[in-house]
Structure formats: C-alpha cells, structure tokens
C-alpha cells in the first residue's frame, strides 16, 4: 500500500521559504521521487498588540507579520520523505509532516 507524506512548510520569510522548497523539489527530481506541489496557500496576516507597560492604558502600534505556507506531497518514497522531514532548516522555517496510507482498489 502506498504512503503519501504531506510536508507543510511555513515561514515569515517568503524568499527563504521559496529557496527551501525549490531545493526540496530539485532533490526529489534527482532522486526520482514522485512529488506533487508545492501548493501555495494564501498568506495569513497576524497582528500582535504591543503595550507600553503592564497596564493596558498605553499602546504602541501593533506588530504585524505575514506567514507564507507551501504544501508538498511525496508519494511512496518513504526514505526520501523521512530524510527531508528530519533535516535541519533555518530558524525561520517551520516544517510539519503528515503520513497517510492509501489502499489501492482491488486489495
């Protein structure tokens, strides 16, 4: 039964994220791994309030940032997927992995 490993990469640094995703895609092509994606998700905007003190009577302008997300699916190349998911990435990159097993019809 084939396994699909879905890697979700998130970062506030869009250029760094694109660089990491391009590297993964290039390595998959060299290894012959079947890869779907990267699928971009709409960027999400976040706002964090900043206070001048411990009381809420004074505030600075809120801190705003954007998080970019890409999803890559690696199909039935478990060793390659394990290698990619277990690597060290820059601190600005967050990676999570989900593994699904699919049964083929007729089994």
Protein backbone atom coordinates (compact mmCIF):
# COMPACT_ATOMS: atom_id res chain seq x y z
CA UNK A 1 0.00 0.00 0.00
CA UNK A 2 1.42 3.38 -0.95
CA UNK A 3 2.17 6.10 1.58
CA UNK A 4 1.78 9.81 0.97
CA UNK A 5 3.86 12.13 3.11
CA UNK A 6 2.45 15.66 3.20
CA UNK A 7 5.01 18.27 4.25
CA UNK A 8 3.73 21.68 5.31
CA UNK A 9 6.37 24.40 5.36
CA UNK A 10 5.62 27.80 6.93
CA UNK A 11 7.71 30.93 7.25
CA UNK A 12 7.51 34.66 7.69
CA UNK A 13 10.35 34.98 5.17
CA UNK A 14 8.83 34.28 1.75
CA UNK A 15 12.16 34.30 -0.11
CA UNK A 16 13.76 31.81 2.30
CA UNK A 17 10.68 29.58 2.04
CA UNK A 18 10.85 29.59 -1.77
CA UNK A 19 14.55 28.73 -1.63
CA UNK A 20 13.98 25.74 0.69
CA UNK A 21 11.00 24.49 -1.36
CA UNK A 22 12.99 24.78 -4.62
CA UNK A 23 15.84 22.81 -3.05
CA UNK A 24 13.47 20.02 -1.95
CA UNK A 25 11.86 19.93 -5.38
CA UNK A 26 15.25 19.71 -7.12
CA UNK A 27 16.42 16.92 -4.83
CA UNK A 28 13.21 14.97 -5.46
CA UNK A 29 13.75 15.23 -9.21
CA UNK A 30 17.33 13.95 -8.91
CA UNK A 31 16.22 11.03 -6.71
CA UNK A 32 13.28 10.17 -8.97
CA UNK A 33 10.76 10.68 -6.17
CA UNK A 34 7.18 11.40 -7.20
CA UNK A 35 6.31 14.83 -5.86
CA UNK A 36 3.14 16.90 -6.02
CA UNK A 37 3.38 20.59 -5.35
CA UNK A 38 4.48 22.84 -3.96
CA UNK A 39 0.93 24.03 -3.42
CA UNK A 40 0.88 27.61 -2.11
CA UNK A 41 -1.74 28.55 0.45
CA UNK A 42 -2.91 32.16 0.76
CA UNK A 43 -0.62 34.12 3.07
CA UNK A 44 -2.06 34.78 6.52
CA UNK A 45 -1.68 38.17 8.25
CA UNK A 46 -1.21 38.31 12.01
CA UNK A 47 -1.37 41.29 14.35
CA UNK A 48 0.12 41.34 17.85
CA UNK A 49 -0.76 44.18 20.25
CA UNK A 50 2.19 45.87 21.97
CA UNK A 51 1.75 47.61 25.33
CA UNK A 52 3.95 50.34 26.80
CA UNK A 53 3.65 48.89 30.29
CA UNK A 54 1.91 46.24 32.32
CA UNK A 55 -1.38 48.12 32.18
CA UNK A 56 -3.44 48.49 29.01
CA UNK A 57 -3.54 52.30 29.21
CA UNK A 58 -0.73 52.83 26.71
CA UNK A 59 -0.08 51.00 23.46
CA UNK A 60 2.44 51.08 20.67
CA UNK A 61 1.41 50.39 17.10
CA UNK A 62 0.69 46.65 16.79
CA UNK A 63 3.32 44.36 15.32
CA UNK A 64 2.08 42.89 12.03
CA UNK A 65 3.56 40.00 10.11
CA UNK A 66 2.71 37.60 7.30
CA UNK A 67 3.09 33.81 7.31
CA UNK A 68 3.61 32.04 3.96
CA UNK A 69 2.70 28.36 3.55
CA UNK A 70 3.64 25.71 0.97
CA UNK A 71 2.44 22.09 0.92
CA UNK A 72 4.45 19.32 -0.77
CA UNK A 73 3.27 15.71 -1.17
CA UNK A 74 5.84 12.93 -1.55
CA UNK A 75 4.26 9.77 -2.90
CA UNK A 76 5.60 6.37 -1.84
CA UNK A 77 9.26 7.38 -1.38
CA UNK A 78 9.34 6.86 2.37
CA UNK A 79 13.12 7.08 2.87
CA UNK A 80 13.35 10.34 0.93
CA UNK A 81 10.37 11.79 2.82
CA UNK A 82 11.91 10.77 6.17
CA UNK A 83 15.20 12.37 5.18
CA UNK A 84 13.54 15.66 4.16
CA UNK A 85 11.31 15.84 7.26
CA UNK A 86 14.22 15.12 9.62
CA UNK A 87 16.67 17.70 8.28
CA UNK A 88 17.71 20.91 9.98
CA UNK A 89 16.20 24.01 8.39
CA UNK A 90 16.79 27.71 9.05
CA UNK A 91 15.10 29.00 12.20
CA UNK A 92 12.62 30.97 10.08
CA UNK A 93 11.22 27.75 8.54
CA UNK A 94 8.70 25.56 10.39
CA UNK A 95 8.02 22.12 8.90
CA UNK A 96 5.39 19.55 9.83
CA UNK A 97 4.78 16.13 8.29
CA UNK A 98 1.62 14.04 7.99
CA UNK A 99 1.71 10.49 6.64
CA UNK A 100 -1.30 8.77 5.09
CA UNK A 101 -1.57 5.22 3.82
CA UNK A 102 -3.85 4.57 0.88
CA UNK A 103 -5.16 1.21 -0.20
CA UNK A 104 -5.32 0.62 -3.92
CA UNK A 105 -8.54 -0.59 -5.47
CA UNK A 106 -8.86 -4.34 -5.64
CA UNK A 107 -6.81 -5.01 -2.49
